[in-house]
Amino acid sequence: MSTKDPWTDPDPQPGDFDAELAVLDPSAVQYREGDTSATLRIVVSLEGEDAARLARIAEARGRRPADVVAELVRDADRSGA
């Protein structure tokens, strides 16, 4: 069984940095309100038949592949999946 290293593992777990955060001086921490105009870009990587399938679906709908993926996410959110 390997030991997880929160500094190098791709997915830190809750509590991984608690000790480091506990010793921070409060002046080292800044609170910022969220920016409602901010956007998030997610890169989706598809290969082979999956990539071709997405391209076909997008073309059939007259849309960009990114629009098809965004629609899929919105539909999944609405259905509670």
Protein backbone atom coordinates (compact mmCIF):
# COMPACT_ATOMS: atom_id res chain seq x y z
CA MET A 1 0.00 0.00 0.00
CA SER A 2 1.48 3.35 -1.01
CA THR A 3 1.46 6.44 1.16
CA LYS A 4 -0.40 9.42 -0.25
CA ASP A 5 1.47 12.71 -0.45
CA PRO A 6 -0.92 15.71 -0.47
CA TRP A 7 1.77 17.87 -2.10
CA THR A 8 2.08 15.67 -5.16
CA ASP A 9 -1.08 13.55 -5.37
CA PRO A 10 -3.57 14.87 -7.93
CA ASP A 11 -6.49 14.84 -5.46
CA PRO A 12 -5.77 16.16 -1.96
CA GLN A 13 -8.16 14.87 0.67
CA PRO A 14 -9.99 16.88 3.36
CA GLY A 15 -7.60 17.53 6.22
CA ASP A 16 -4.42 17.07 4.19
CA PHE A 17 -3.29 20.65 4.81
CA ASP A 18 -4.92 21.33 8.20
CA ALA A 19 -1.58 21.43 10.05
CA GLU A 20 -0.12 23.92 7.57
CA LEU A 21 -3.23 26.11 7.67
CA ALA A 22 -3.30 26.10 11.48
CA VAL A 23 0.12 27.78 11.71
CA LEU A 24 -0.60 30.50 9.15
CA ASP A 25 -0.69 34.02 10.47
CA PRO A 26 -4.18 35.45 9.85
CA SER A 27 -2.56 38.32 7.91
CA ALA A 28 -1.42 35.74 5.32
CA VAL A 29 -5.03 34.88 4.43
CA GLN A 30 -7.20 37.00 2.18
CA TYR A 31 -10.94 36.59 1.72
CA ARG A 32 -12.33 37.59 -1.66
CA GLU A 33 -15.92 37.68 -2.82
CA GLY A 34 -16.60 35.49 -5.83
CA ASP A 35 -16.80 37.08 -9.26
CA THR A 36 -20.22 36.37 -10.74
CA SER A 37 -18.88 37.13 -14.23
CA ALA A 38 -16.11 34.52 -13.91
CA THR A 39 -16.12 31.52 -16.20
CA LEU A 40 -14.74 28.03 -15.88
CA ARG A 41 -13.10 26.21 -18.76
CA ILE A 42 -12.97 22.43 -18.63
CA VAL A 43 -10.94 20.54 -21.19
CA VAL A 44 -12.56 17.27 -22.20
CA SER A 45 -10.32 14.71 -23.80
CA LEU A 46 -11.94 12.15 -26.11
CA GLU A 47 -10.23 9.71 -28.41
CA GLY A 48 -11.15 7.40 -31.23
CA GLU A 49 -14.79 6.50 -31.69
CA ASP A 50 -15.92 8.69 -28.78
CA ALA A 51 -14.38 11.77 -30.42
CA ALA A 52 -15.89 10.86 -33.79
CA ARG A 53 -19.28 10.26 -32.16
CA LEU A 54 -19.23 13.70 -30.51
CA ALA A 55 -18.26 15.32 -33.81
CA ARG A 56 -21.16 13.54 -35.60
CA ILE A 57 -23.67 14.55 -32.92
CA ALA A 58 -22.52 18.17 -33.02
CA GLU A 59 -22.65 18.30 -36.81
CA ALA A 60 -26.13 16.76 -36.88
CA ARG A 61 -27.34 19.40 -34.44
CA GLY A 62 -25.56 22.24 -36.22
CA ARG A 63 -23.60 23.02 -33.08
CA ARG A 64 -20.03 22.96 -31.83
CA PRO A 65 -18.84 19.92 -29.85
CA ALA A 66 -18.39 22.17 -26.79
CA ASP A 67 -22.06 23.19 -27.02
CA VAL A 68 -23.14 19.54 -27.12
CA VAL A 69 -21.09 18.77 -23.99
CA ALA A 70 -22.50 21.84 -22.19
CA GLU A 71 -26.03 20.74 -23.11
CA LEU A 72 -25.30 17.26 -21.75
CA VAL A 73 -24.19 18.75 -18.42
CA ARG A 74 -27.28 20.99 -18.19
CA ASP A 75 -29.59 18.07 -19.00
CA ALA A 76 -27.92 15.85 -16.38
CA ASP A 77 -28.29 18.60 -13.78
CA ARG A 78 -31.99 19.04 -14.57
CA SER A 79 -32.65 15.31 -14.35
CA GLY A 80 -30.90 15.11 -10.97
CA ALA A 81 -28.35 12.59 -12.24
